[in-house]
C-alpha cells in the first residue's frame, strides 16, 4: 500500500513537472513572439504565425513557421522569407512571402522583390535589413496547438485547466503529506502507550 502511494506520488510529480515545463515554454515563446515584435531569436531561429491567406495553399492562417536568420547573399529566388514591413499597410507587420526577384546595388546591398503566392500585386521592395530569415520549417504540432488555443474552449483546455491541475495536485499532495504525518504521530503515540503499559505490568509482576 505504501509503495503504491509512493509510486503514485512520483508519477503525479513527474506529470506536474512535464505539464509545467510545456506550459511555461509555450507561454514564454508566445510572449516573446508577441511582445518583442520577433526581435528576439533563439540560436538565429524565430517563430511566426500566419495571420492571412496570402500564402495559400502553401501556408494557411494559424500555421506556425520557423525561420532561420541567414546572410542576404544566401537568399535565393523562390525562398519564402519573413520580414518586417516598413511601408504603407505593411508598416510594423511581420510579412511572410516568397522571393520573386533579387537585386544588388553599387554599394553591395541587397534588395528583394516579394509576393504572396495568393496575391496578384508584389510587395513594396524589401531591404536586407528588414529580413528576419528564411522559412525552413512548418510545425504541424504547434500549428494545431495555436489553432486550438485560439478558441475559448482551447484556451481553457490548454491553459486554464493545466494551471488548475498543477495547483490542485500540489494542494492534494500537501494534504496527503500532512495526513501521513498525522497518522505517523498517532502510531508513534500508540507504540509509546503500549510500551508504557508493558512496563507498568512488568513492574507489578
N, C-alpha and C. Protein backbone atom coordinates (compact mmCIF):
# COMPACT_ATOMS: atom_id res chain seq x y z
N UNK A 1 0.84 -1.21 0.00
CA UNK A 1 0.00 0.00 0.00
C UNK A 1 0.87 1.26 0.00
N UNK A 2 1.89 1.25 0.87
CA UNK A 2 2.78 2.40 0.95
C UNK A 2 3.55 2.57 -0.35
N UNK A 3 4.02 1.43 -0.92
CA UNK A 3 4.76 1.50 -2.19
C UNK A 3 3.87 2.06 -3.30
N UNK A 4 2.59 1.64 -3.27
CA UNK A 4 1.64 2.15 -4.27
C UNK A 4 1.47 3.65 -4.17
N UNK A 5 1.36 4.16 -2.94
CA UNK A 5 1.22 5.61 -2.72
C UNK A 5 2.47 6.35 -3.19
N UNK A 6 3.63 5.76 -2.89
CA UNK A 6 4.89 6.41 -3.29
C UNK A 6 5.00 6.48 -4.81
N UNK A 7 4.65 5.38 -5.49
CA UNK A 7 4.70 5.36 -6.95
C UNK A 7 3.73 6.38 -7.54
N UNK A 8 2.52 6.45 -6.96
CA UNK A 8 1.52 7.41 -7.41
C UNK A 8 2.02 8.84 -7.24
N UNK A 9 2.67 9.11 -6.11
CA UNK A 9 3.21 10.46 -5.85
C UNK A 9 4.29 10.82 -6.88
N UNK A 10 5.16 9.83 -7.14
CA UNK A 10 6.25 10.07 -8.10
C UNK A 10 5.67 10.36 -9.49
N UNK A 11 4.69 9.56 -9.90
CA UNK A 11 4.06 9.75 -11.21
C UNK A 11 3.36 11.11 -11.31
N UNK A 12 2.66 11.49 -10.24
CA UNK A 12 1.99 12.79 -10.22
C UNK A 12 3.01 13.93 -10.30
N UNK A 13 4.10 13.77 -9.57
CA UNK A 13 5.16 14.79 -9.59
C UNK A 13 5.76 14.93 -10.98
N UNK A 14 6.07 13.79 -11.62
CA UNK A 14 6.63 13.82 -12.96
C UNK A 14 5.65 14.48 -13.94
N UNK A 15 4.37 14.11 -13.83
CA UNK A 15 3.36 14.66 -14.72
C UNK A 15 3.21 16.16 -14.51
N UNK A 16 3.22 16.60 -13.25
CA UNK A 16 3.12 18.04 -12.95
C UNK A 16 4.30 18.80 -13.53
N UNK A 17 5.48 18.21 -13.41
CA UNK A 17 6.69 18.86 -13.93
C UNK A 17 6.62 18.98 -15.45
N UNK A 18 6.20 17.90 -16.12
CA UNK A 18 6.10 17.92 -17.58
C UNK A 18 5.07 18.93 -18.06
N UNK A 19 3.90 18.93 -17.41
CA UNK A 19 2.86 19.89 -17.77
C UNK A 19 3.35 21.32 -17.54
N UNK A 20 4.04 21.52 -16.41
CA UNK A 20 4.56 22.85 -16.08
C UNK A 20 5.59 23.32 -17.09
N UNK A 21 6.49 22.43 -17.50
CA UNK A 21 7.53 22.79 -18.46
C UNK A 21 6.93 23.15 -19.81
N UNK A 22 6.02 22.30 -20.29
CA UNK A 22 5.36 22.55 -21.59
C UNK A 22 4.58 23.86 -21.56
N UNK A 23 3.83 24.05 -20.48
CA UNK A 23 3.01 25.26 -20.34
C UNK A 23 3.90 26.51 -20.28
N UNK A 24 4.95 26.44 -19.46
CA UNK A 24 5.87 27.58 -19.31
C UNK A 24 6.57 27.90 -20.63
N UNK A 25 7.03 26.86 -21.32
CA UNK A 25 7.72 27.06 -22.59
C UNK A 25 6.79 27.69 -23.62
N UNK A 26 5.56 27.20 -23.66
CA UNK A 26 4.58 27.73 -24.61
C UNK A 26 4.29 29.20 -24.33
N UNK A 27 4.06 29.53 -23.06
CA UNK A 27 3.75 30.91 -22.68
C UNK A 27 4.93 31.83 -22.97
N UNK A 28 6.15 31.38 -22.65
CA UNK A 28 7.34 32.19 -22.87
C UNK A 28 7.53 32.49 -24.36
N UNK A 29 7.40 31.44 -25.19
CA UNK A 29 7.58 31.61 -26.63
C UNK A 29 6.54 32.57 -27.20
N UNK A 30 5.28 32.39 -26.80
CA UNK A 30 4.20 33.25 -27.29
C UNK A 30 4.42 34.69 -26.86
N UNK A 31 4.79 34.88 -25.58
CA UNK A 31 5.01 36.24 -25.07
C UNK A 31 6.18 36.92 -25.78
N UNK A 32 7.28 36.18 -25.97
CA UNK A 32 8.44 36.75 -26.65
C UNK A 32 8.08 37.11 -28.09
N UNK A 33 7.31 36.25 -28.72
CA UNK A 33 6.93 36.49 -30.10
C UNK A 33 6.05 37.73 -30.23
N UNK A 34 5.08 37.85 -29.33
CA UNK A 34 4.10 38.94 -29.45
C UNK A 34 4.62 40.26 -28.93
N UNK A 35 5.32 40.23 -27.79
CA UNK A 35 5.70 41.49 -27.14
C UNK A 35 7.07 42.02 -27.54
N UNK A 36 7.89 41.17 -28.18
CA UNK A 36 9.20 41.65 -28.63
C UNK A 36 9.19 41.99 -30.11
N UNK A 37 8.00 41.82 -30.74
CA UNK A 37 7.87 42.03 -32.19
C UNK A 37 8.87 41.18 -32.95
N UNK A 38 9.14 39.98 -32.40
CA UNK A 38 10.03 38.99 -33.02
C UNK A 38 11.47 39.48 -33.16
N UNK A 39 11.88 40.42 -32.31
CA UNK A 39 13.26 40.90 -32.36
C UNK A 39 14.21 39.95 -31.64
N UNK A 40 13.66 39.07 -30.81
CA UNK A 40 14.48 38.12 -30.09
C UNK A 40 14.47 36.78 -30.83
N UNK A 41 15.67 36.22 -31.05
CA UNK A 41 15.76 34.93 -31.72
C UNK A 41 16.45 33.93 -30.81
N UNK A 42 16.21 32.64 -31.09
CA UNK A 42 16.86 31.56 -30.35
C UNK A 42 17.81 30.85 -31.31
N UNK A 43 19.12 31.10 -31.10
CA UNK A 43 20.13 30.49 -31.95
C UNK A 43 19.85 30.76 -33.43
N UNK A 44 19.47 32.02 -33.71
CA UNK A 44 19.19 32.50 -35.07
C UNK A 44 17.89 31.96 -35.67
N UNK A 45 17.03 31.42 -34.82
CA UNK A 45 15.73 30.93 -35.28
C UNK A 45 14.62 31.77 -34.65
N UNK A 46 13.57 32.02 -35.42
CA UNK A 46 12.40 32.74 -34.91
C UNK A 46 11.13 31.98 -35.29
N UNK A 47 10.08 32.23 -34.53
CA UNK A 47 8.80 31.58 -34.79
C UNK A 47 7.77 32.62 -35.20
N UNK A 48 7.02 32.33 -36.25
CA UNK A 48 6.00 33.24 -36.74
C UNK A 48 4.68 32.50 -36.95
N UNK A 49 3.58 33.22 -36.80
CA UNK A 49 2.27 32.63 -37.04
C UNK A 49 1.62 33.32 -38.24
N UNK A 50 1.13 32.55 -39.18
CA UNK A 50 0.49 33.09 -40.37
C UNK A 50 -0.88 33.66 -39.99
N UNK A 51 -1.11 34.91 -40.38
CA UNK A 51 -2.37 35.57 -39.99
C UNK A 51 -3.24 35.96 -41.19
N UNK A 52 -2.77 35.61 -42.39
CA UNK A 52 -3.58 35.93 -43.57
C UNK A 52 -3.50 34.77 -44.57
N UNK A 53 -4.28 34.87 -45.64
CA UNK A 53 -4.31 33.81 -46.66
C UNK A 53 -3.43 34.13 -47.86
N UNK A 54 -2.51 35.06 -47.68
CA UNK A 54 -1.69 35.50 -48.82
C UNK A 54 -0.73 34.42 -49.33
N UNK A 55 -0.48 33.38 -48.51
CA UNK A 55 0.44 32.32 -48.94
C UNK A 55 -0.25 30.98 -49.17
N UNK A 56 -1.59 31.00 -49.25
CA UNK A 56 -2.30 29.76 -49.54
C UNK A 56 -2.04 29.36 -51.00
N UNK A 57 -1.96 28.07 -51.30
CA UNK A 57 -2.19 26.93 -50.38
C UNK A 57 -0.94 26.45 -49.64
N UNK A 58 0.20 27.11 -49.86
CA UNK A 58 1.44 26.69 -49.20
C UNK A 58 1.30 26.78 -47.69
N UNK A 59 0.87 27.93 -47.18
CA UNK A 59 0.65 28.13 -45.75
C UNK A 59 -0.73 28.74 -45.54
N UNK A 60 -1.36 28.31 -44.45
CA UNK A 60 -2.70 28.81 -44.16
C UNK A 60 -2.71 29.57 -42.85
N UNK A 61 -3.81 30.28 -42.57
CA UNK A 61 -3.94 31.03 -41.32
C UNK A 61 -3.80 30.09 -40.13
N UNK A 62 -2.95 30.48 -39.17
CA UNK A 62 -2.74 29.67 -37.98
C UNK A 62 -1.52 28.77 -38.06
N UNK A 63 -0.92 28.65 -39.25
CA UNK A 63 0.29 27.84 -39.37
C UNK A 63 1.44 28.51 -38.62
N UNK A 64 2.21 27.70 -37.92
CA UNK A 64 3.38 28.21 -37.19
C UNK A 64 4.63 27.87 -38.00
N UNK A 65 5.36 28.90 -38.38
CA UNK A 65 6.54 28.74 -39.22
C UNK A 65 7.81 29.08 -38.45
N UNK A 66 8.87 28.33 -38.74
CA UNK A 66 10.17 28.59 -38.13
C UNK A 66 11.08 29.14 -39.21
N UNK A 67 11.67 30.30 -38.96
CA UNK A 67 12.58 30.89 -39.94
C UNK A 67 14.00 30.94 -39.38
N UNK A 68 14.96 30.82 -40.26
CA UNK A 68 16.37 30.85 -39.86
C UNK A 68 17.02 32.10 -40.42
N UNK A 69 17.75 32.80 -39.56
CA UNK A 69 18.45 34.01 -39.99
C UNK A 69 19.64 33.62 -40.88
N UNK A 70 19.71 34.20 -42.05
CA UNK A 70 20.80 33.90 -42.99
C UNK A 70 21.36 35.21 -43.54
N UNK A 71 22.49 35.11 -44.19
CA UNK A 71 23.08 36.29 -44.82
C UNK A 71 22.28 36.61 -46.09
N UNK A 72 22.19 37.90 -46.44
CA UNK A 72 21.40 38.30 -47.62
C UNK A 72 21.82 37.57 -48.90
N UNK A 73 23.13 37.35 -49.05
CA UNK A 73 23.62 36.70 -50.27
C UNK A 73 23.23 35.21 -50.35
N UNK A 74 22.77 34.65 -49.23
CA UNK A 74 22.38 33.24 -49.22
C UNK A 74 20.91 33.04 -49.62
N UNK A 75 20.18 34.14 -49.68
CA UNK A 75 18.76 34.06 -50.05
C UNK A 75 18.63 33.91 -51.57
N UNK A 76 17.78 32.98 -51.97
CA UNK A 76 17.60 32.71 -53.40
C UNK A 76 16.15 32.98 -53.82
N UNK A 77 15.96 33.14 -55.12
CA UNK A 77 14.60 33.28 -55.64
C UNK A 77 13.80 32.01 -55.31
N UNK A 78 12.55 32.20 -55.00
CA UNK A 78 11.61 31.14 -54.62
C UNK A 78 11.69 30.78 -53.14
N UNK A 79 12.69 31.34 -52.41
CA UNK A 79 12.70 31.16 -50.95
C UNK A 79 11.53 31.93 -50.36
N UNK A 80 10.99 31.41 -49.25
CA UNK A 80 9.96 32.14 -48.52
C UNK A 80 10.64 32.81 -47.34
N UNK A 81 10.52 34.13 -47.25
CA UNK A 81 11.21 34.87 -46.18
C UNK A 81 10.19 35.59 -45.29
N UNK A 82 10.62 35.85 -44.06
CA UNK A 82 9.83 36.65 -43.12
C UNK A 82 10.58 37.96 -42.92
N UNK A 83 9.85 39.06 -43.03
CA UNK A 83 10.50 40.36 -42.89
C UNK A 83 9.56 41.35 -42.22
N UNK A 84 10.13 42.44 -41.72
CA UNK A 84 9.34 43.48 -41.06
C UNK A 84 8.97 44.54 -42.08
N UNK A 85 7.66 44.73 -42.29
CA UNK A 85 7.21 45.72 -43.24
C UNK A 85 7.46 47.14 -42.76
N UNK A 86 7.78 48.02 -43.69
CA UNK A 86 8.08 49.42 -43.31
C UNK A 86 7.35 50.43 -44.18
N UNK A 87 6.41 49.93 -44.99
CA UNK A 87 5.77 50.86 -45.93
C UNK A 87 4.27 50.58 -46.01
N UNK A 88 3.46 51.66 -45.99
CA UNK A 88 2.02 51.55 -46.16
C UNK A 88 1.35 50.61 -45.18
N UNK A 89 0.48 49.74 -45.71
CA UNK A 89 -0.25 48.80 -44.87
C UNK A 89 0.66 47.74 -44.24
N UNK A 90 1.89 47.62 -44.73
CA UNK A 90 2.83 46.62 -44.23
C UNK A 90 3.60 47.11 -43.00
N UNK A 91 3.49 48.40 -42.69
CA UNK A 91 4.30 49.01 -41.63
C UNK A 91 4.15 48.28 -40.29
N UNK A 92 5.31 47.89 -39.72
CA UNK A 92 5.40 47.23 -38.41
C UNK A 92 4.70 45.86 -38.35
N UNK A 93 4.43 45.29 -39.52
CA UNK A 93 3.85 43.95 -39.57
C UNK A 93 4.89 42.96 -40.07
N UNK A 94 4.85 41.75 -39.51
CA UNK A 94 5.74 40.71 -39.99
C UNK A 94 5.08 40.03 -41.19
N UNK A 95 5.75 40.09 -42.32
CA UNK A 95 5.23 39.54 -43.55
C UNK A 95 6.03 38.29 -43.93
N UNK A 96 5.34 37.26 -44.36
CA UNK A 96 6.00 36.04 -44.82
C UNK A 96 5.56 35.77 -46.25
N UNK A 97 6.43 36.13 -47.20
CA UNK A 97 6.11 35.99 -48.62
C UNK A 97 7.29 35.40 -49.39
N UNK A 98 7.02 35.04 -50.63
CA UNK A 98 8.03 34.39 -51.47
C UNK A 98 8.88 35.42 -52.23
N UNK A 99 10.17 35.12 -52.34
CA UNK A 99 11.09 35.98 -53.08
C UNK A 99 10.91 35.72 -54.58
N UNK A 100 10.59 36.78 -55.33
CA UNK A 100 10.38 36.64 -56.78
C UNK A 100 11.45 37.38 -57.58
N UNK A 101 12.32 38.10 -56.85
CA UNK A 101 13.39 38.82 -57.55
C UNK A 101 14.42 39.34 -56.57
N UNK A 102 15.70 39.35 -57.00
CA UNK A 102 16.79 39.81 -56.14
C UNK A 102 17.64 40.81 -56.91
N UNK A 103 17.97 41.94 -56.26
CA UNK A 103 18.80 42.96 -56.88
C UNK A 103 19.89 43.40 -55.90
N UNK A 104 21.00 43.85 -56.44
CA UNK A 104 22.11 44.33 -55.62
C UNK A 104 22.59 45.66 -56.19
N UNK A 105 22.71 46.69 -55.33
CA UNK A 105 23.13 47.99 -55.83
C UNK A 105 24.66 48.11 -55.85
N UNK A 106 25.13 49.29 -56.20
CA UNK A 106 26.58 49.51 -56.34
C UNK A 106 27.31 49.37 -55.01
N UNK A 107 26.59 49.63 -53.90
CA UNK A 107 27.21 49.52 -52.57
C UNK A 107 27.23 48.08 -52.06
N UNK A 108 26.68 47.17 -52.82
CA UNK A 108 26.68 45.77 -52.41
C UNK A 108 25.47 45.37 -51.58
N UNK A 109 24.55 46.31 -51.36
CA UNK A 109 23.37 45.98 -50.57
C UNK A 109 22.32 45.28 -51.44
N UNK A 110 21.63 44.35 -50.78
CA UNK A 110 20.64 43.56 -51.49
C UNK A 110 19.23 44.11 -51.29
N UNK A 111 18.44 44.02 -52.37
CA UNK A 111 17.03 44.40 -52.33
C UNK A 111 16.22 43.24 -52.90
N UNK A 112 15.09 42.98 -52.29
CA UNK A 112 14.32 41.80 -52.68
C UNK A 112 12.89 42.19 -53.10
N UNK A 113 12.43 41.55 -54.17
CA UNK A 113 11.02 41.67 -54.57
C UNK A 113 10.32 40.43 -54.04
N UNK A 114 9.23 40.65 -53.34
CA UNK A 114 8.49 39.52 -52.75
C UNK A 114 7.01 39.63 -53.08
N UNK A 115 6.33 38.48 -52.96
CA UNK A 115 4.90 38.45 -53.27
C UNK A 115 4.27 37.24 -52.59
N UNK A 116 3.07 37.42 -52.06
CA UNK A 116 2.33 36.28 -51.53
C UNK A 116 1.86 35.40 -52.66
N UNK A 117 1.90 34.09 -52.49
CA UNK A 117 1.50 33.17 -53.56
C UNK A 117 0.08 33.43 -54.05
N UNK A 118 -0.79 33.86 -53.13
CA UNK A 118 -2.19 34.09 -53.49
C UNK A 118 -2.46 35.54 -53.90
N UNK A 119 -1.42 36.38 -53.85
CA UNK A 119 -1.58 37.79 -54.20
C UNK A 119 -1.28 38.04 -55.67
N UNK A 120 -1.90 39.07 -56.21
CA UNK A 120 -1.65 39.45 -57.61
C UNK A 120 -0.52 40.48 -57.68
N UNK A 121 -0.52 41.40 -56.71
CA UNK A 121 0.46 42.50 -56.69
C UNK A 121 1.65 42.16 -55.80
N UNK A 122 2.83 42.58 -56.22
CA UNK A 122 4.04 42.38 -55.42
C UNK A 122 4.05 43.33 -54.22
N UNK A 123 4.86 42.97 -53.21
CA UNK A 123 5.02 43.81 -52.03
C UNK A 123 5.92 45.00 -52.37
N UNK A 124 5.95 46.01 -51.48
CA UNK A 124 6.97 47.05 -51.62
C UNK A 124 8.36 46.41 -51.53
N UNK A 125 9.35 47.04 -52.14
CA UNK A 125 10.72 46.49 -52.14
C UNK A 125 11.20 46.26 -50.70
N UNK A 126 11.83 45.13 -50.50
CA UNK A 126 12.33 44.74 -49.17
C UNK A 126 13.85 44.90 -49.13
N UNK A 127 14.34 45.68 -48.17
CA UNK A 127 15.79 45.82 -47.99
C UNK A 127 16.32 44.71 -47.11
N UNK A 128 17.61 44.43 -47.22
CA UNK A 128 18.20 43.31 -46.48
C UNK A 128 18.06 43.48 -44.96
N UNK A 129 18.05 44.73 -44.48
CA UNK A 129 17.94 44.98 -43.04
C UNK A 129 16.56 44.66 -42.46
N UNK A 130 15.57 44.50 -43.33
CA UNK A 130 14.21 44.20 -42.88
C UNK A 130 13.99 42.71 -42.63
N UNK A 131 14.88 41.90 -43.19
CA UNK A 131 14.65 40.45 -43.22
C UNK A 131 14.99 39.79 -41.88
N UNK A 132 14.04 38.97 -41.40
CA UNK A 132 14.26 38.17 -40.19
C UNK A 132 14.89 36.83 -40.54
N UNK A 133 14.48 36.24 -41.64
CA UNK A 133 15.06 34.95 -42.01
C UNK A 133 14.28 34.24 -43.09
N UNK A 134 14.81 33.09 -43.48
CA UNK A 134 14.17 32.24 -44.49
C UNK A 134 13.38 31.15 -43.77
N UNK A 135 12.15 30.93 -44.20
CA UNK A 135 11.32 29.90 -43.59
C UNK A 135 11.90 28.52 -43.92
N UNK A 136 12.17 27.75 -42.87
CA UNK A 136 12.78 26.44 -43.05
C UNK A 136 11.88 25.31 -42.58
N UNK A 137 10.83 25.64 -41.83
CA UNK A 137 10.02 24.55 -41.27
C UNK A 137 8.63 25.04 -40.88
N UNK A 138 7.65 24.20 -41.12
CA UNK A 138 6.29 24.44 -40.64
C UNK A 138 5.99 23.40 -39.58
N UNK A 139 5.69 23.84 -38.35
CA UNK A 139 5.44 22.92 -37.25
C UNK A 139 3.96 22.55 -37.22
N UNK A 140 3.67 21.29 -37.56
CA UNK A 140 2.28 20.82 -37.58
C UNK A 140 1.70 20.80 -36.16
N UNK A 141 2.51 20.39 -35.19
CA UNK A 141 2.03 20.29 -33.80
C UNK A 141 1.71 21.67 -33.24
N UNK A 142 2.66 22.62 -33.39
CA UNK A 142 2.44 23.97 -32.89
C UNK A 142 1.30 24.66 -33.63
N UNK A 143 1.17 24.37 -34.91
CA UNK A 143 0.07 24.95 -35.69
C UNK A 143 -1.27 24.47 -35.13
N UNK A 144 -1.33 23.18 -34.81
CA UNK A 144 -2.57 22.63 -34.24
C UNK A 144 -2.85 23.26 -32.88
N UNK A 145 -1.80 23.38 -32.04
CA UNK A 145 -1.97 23.98 -30.71
C UNK A 145 -2.44 25.42 -30.82
N UNK A 146 -1.84 26.20 -31.73
CA UNK A 146 -2.23 27.61 -31.91
C UNK A 146 -3.69 27.73 -32.32
N UNK A 147 -4.11 26.84 -33.22
CA UNK A 147 -5.50 26.90 -33.68
C UNK A 147 -6.47 26.56 -32.55
N UNK A 148 -6.07 25.58 -31.73
CA UNK A 148 -6.94 25.17 -30.62
C UNK A 148 -6.97 26.25 -29.55
N UNK A 149 -5.79 26.77 -29.19
CA UNK A 149 -5.71 27.79 -28.14
C UNK A 149 -6.41 29.07 -28.58
N UNK A 150 -6.51 29.27 -29.89
CA UNK A 150 -7.17 30.47 -30.40
C UNK A 150 -8.67 30.50 -30.12
N UNK A 151 -9.24 29.34 -29.77
CA UNK A 151 -10.66 29.29 -29.43
C UNK A 151 -10.82 29.37 -27.90
N UNK A 152 -12.02 29.74 -27.44
CA UNK A 152 -12.26 29.84 -26.00
C UNK A 152 -12.12 28.48 -25.32
N UNK A 153 -12.69 27.45 -25.95
CA UNK A 153 -12.60 26.11 -25.38
C UNK A 153 -11.14 25.65 -25.32
N UNK A 154 -10.41 25.91 -26.40
CA UNK A 154 -8.99 25.52 -26.45
C UNK A 154 -8.18 26.24 -25.40
N UNK A 155 -8.48 27.53 -25.19
CA UNK A 155 -7.76 28.31 -24.18
C UNK A 155 -7.93 27.69 -22.80
N UNK A 156 -9.16 27.29 -22.48
CA UNK A 156 -9.41 26.67 -21.18
C UNK A 156 -8.74 25.30 -21.09
N UNK A 157 -8.80 24.52 -22.18
CA UNK A 157 -8.24 23.17 -22.17
C UNK A 157 -6.72 23.18 -22.04
N UNK A 158 -6.05 24.11 -22.73
CA UNK A 158 -4.59 24.10 -22.79
C UNK A 158 -3.92 25.04 -21.80
N UNK A 159 -4.66 26.02 -21.30
CA UNK A 159 -4.04 26.99 -20.38
C UNK A 159 -4.66 26.91 -18.98
N UNK A 160 -5.95 27.18 -18.87
CA UNK A 160 -6.60 27.26 -17.56
C UNK A 160 -6.60 25.92 -16.84
N UNK A 161 -7.06 24.86 -17.52
CA UNK A 161 -7.16 23.55 -16.87
C UNK A 161 -5.79 23.03 -16.41
N UNK A 162 -4.73 23.10 -17.25
CA UNK A 162 -3.41 22.65 -16.76
C UNK A 162 -2.93 23.43 -15.53
N UNK A 163 -3.19 24.76 -15.52
CA UNK A 163 -2.79 25.57 -14.36
C UNK A 163 -3.55 25.12 -13.12
N UNK A 164 -4.87 24.93 -13.26
CA UNK A 164 -5.69 24.47 -12.13
C UNK A 164 -5.25 23.07 -11.68
N UNK A 165 -4.88 22.22 -12.64
CA UNK A 165 -4.42 20.88 -12.30
C UNK A 165 -3.14 20.93 -11.46
N UNK A 166 -2.20 21.77 -11.89
CA UNK A 166 -0.93 21.89 -11.16
C UNK A 166 -1.17 22.39 -9.75
N UNK A 167 -2.00 23.44 -9.61
CA UNK A 167 -2.30 23.99 -8.29
C UNK A 167 -3.04 22.97 -7.44
N UNK A 168 -4.07 22.32 -8.02
CA UNK A 168 -4.86 21.33 -7.28
C UNK A 168 -4.05 20.14 -6.84
N UNK A 169 -3.23 19.60 -7.75
CA UNK A 169 -2.42 18.43 -7.40
C UNK A 169 -1.39 18.77 -6.33
N UNK A 170 -0.89 20.00 -6.37
CA UNK A 170 0.07 20.43 -5.34
C UNK A 170 -0.61 20.50 -3.98
N UNK A 171 -1.84 21.00 -3.95
CA UNK A 171 -2.59 21.09 -2.70
C UNK A 171 -2.92 19.70 -2.16
N UNK A 172 -3.32 18.79 -3.07
CA UNK A 172 -3.64 17.42 -2.66
C UNK A 172 -2.40 16.72 -2.10
N UNK A 173 -1.27 16.90 -2.78
CA UNK A 173 -0.02 16.29 -2.32
C UNK A 173 0.36 16.80 -0.93
N UNK A 174 0.16 18.10 -0.70
CA UNK A 174 0.47 18.69 0.61
C UNK A 174 -0.45 18.12 1.69
N UNK A 175 -1.73 17.99 1.37
CA UNK A 175 -2.70 17.43 2.33
C UNK A 175 -2.39 15.97 2.64
N UNK A 176 -1.99 15.20 1.62
CA UNK A 176 -1.63 13.80 1.83
C UNK A 176 -0.41 13.67 2.72
N UNK A 177 0.56 14.55 2.51
CA UNK A 177 1.77 14.53 3.35
C UNK A 177 1.42 14.83 4.81
N UNK A 178 0.56 15.83 5.01
CA UNK A 178 0.16 16.18 6.37
C UNK A 178 -0.62 15.04 7.03
N UNK A 179 -1.47 14.37 6.25
CA UNK A 179 -2.24 13.25 6.77
C UNK A 179 -1.32 12.10 7.18
N UNK A 180 -0.31 11.84 6.37
CA UNK A 180 0.66 10.80 6.70
C UNK A 180 1.43 11.15 7.98
N UNK A 181 1.79 12.41 8.10
CA UNK A 181 2.50 12.85 9.31
C UNK A 181 1.60 12.68 10.54
N UNK A 182 0.32 13.02 10.39
CA UNK A 182 -0.62 12.89 11.50
C UNK A 182 -0.77 11.43 11.92
N UNK A 183 -0.91 10.54 10.94
CA UNK A 183 -1.05 9.12 11.23
C UNK A 183 0.22 8.55 11.86
N UNK A 184 1.35 9.03 11.37
CA UNK A 184 2.62 8.56 11.92
C UNK A 184 2.76 8.96 13.39
N UNK A 185 2.32 10.18 13.71
CA UNK A 185 2.37 10.65 15.10
C UNK A 185 1.43 9.84 15.99
N UNK A 186 0.22 9.54 15.46
CA UNK A 186 -0.75 8.74 16.23
C UNK A 186 -0.18 7.35 16.48
N UNK A 187 0.43 6.76 15.45
CA UNK A 187 1.01 5.42 15.59
C UNK A 187 2.15 5.44 16.60
N UNK A 188 2.94 6.52 16.55
CA UNK A 188 4.07 6.65 17.48
C UNK A 188 3.57 6.74 18.92
N UNK A 189 2.50 7.49 19.13
CA UNK A 189 1.92 7.62 20.46
C UNK A 189 1.35 6.29 20.95
N UNK A 190 0.72 5.54 20.03
CA UNK A 190 0.16 4.24 20.38
C UNK A 190 1.27 3.27 20.79
N UNK A 191 2.40 3.32 20.06
CA UNK A 191 3.54 2.47 20.40
C UNK A 191 4.10 2.83 21.77
N UNK A 192 4.20 4.13 22.02
CA UNK A 192 4.70 4.59 23.33
C UNK A 192 3.75 4.16 24.45
N UNK A 193 2.44 4.23 24.15
CA UNK A 193 1.44 3.83 25.14
C UNK A 193 1.54 2.34 25.45
N UNK A 194 1.75 1.53 24.43
CA UNK A 194 1.90 0.10 24.62
C UNK A 194 3.13 -0.22 25.46
N UNK A 195 4.22 0.45 25.15
CA UNK A 195 5.46 0.24 25.91
C UNK A 195 5.29 0.63 27.37
N UNK A 196 4.55 1.73 27.58
CA UNK A 196 4.30 2.19 28.95
C UNK A 196 3.48 1.17 29.73
N UNK A 197 2.43 0.63 29.09
CA UNK A 197 1.58 -0.38 29.73
C UNK A 197 2.37 -1.64 30.04
N UNK A 198 3.21 -2.05 29.07
CA UNK A 198 4.04 -3.23 29.30
C UNK A 198 5.00 -3.03 30.46
N UNK A 199 5.56 -1.84 30.52
CA UNK A 199 6.49 -1.51 31.58
C UNK A 199 5.81 -1.56 32.95
N UNK A 200 4.60 -1.01 33.01
CA UNK A 200 3.85 -0.99 34.27
C UNK A 200 3.45 -2.40 34.68
N UNK A 201 3.00 -3.23 33.73
CA UNK A 201 2.60 -4.60 34.06
C UNK A 201 3.77 -5.46 34.53
N UNK A 202 4.95 -5.20 33.92
CA UNK A 202 6.13 -5.97 34.35
C UNK A 202 6.58 -5.58 35.74
N UNK A 203 6.38 -4.31 36.11
CA UNK A 203 6.74 -3.85 37.47
C UNK A 203 5.81 -4.48 38.51
N UNK A 204 4.51 -4.62 38.17
CA UNK A 204 3.56 -5.22 39.09
C UNK A 204 3.88 -6.67 39.34
N UNK A 205 4.33 -7.39 38.31
CA UNK A 205 4.68 -8.78 38.47
C UNK A 205 5.94 -8.93 39.34
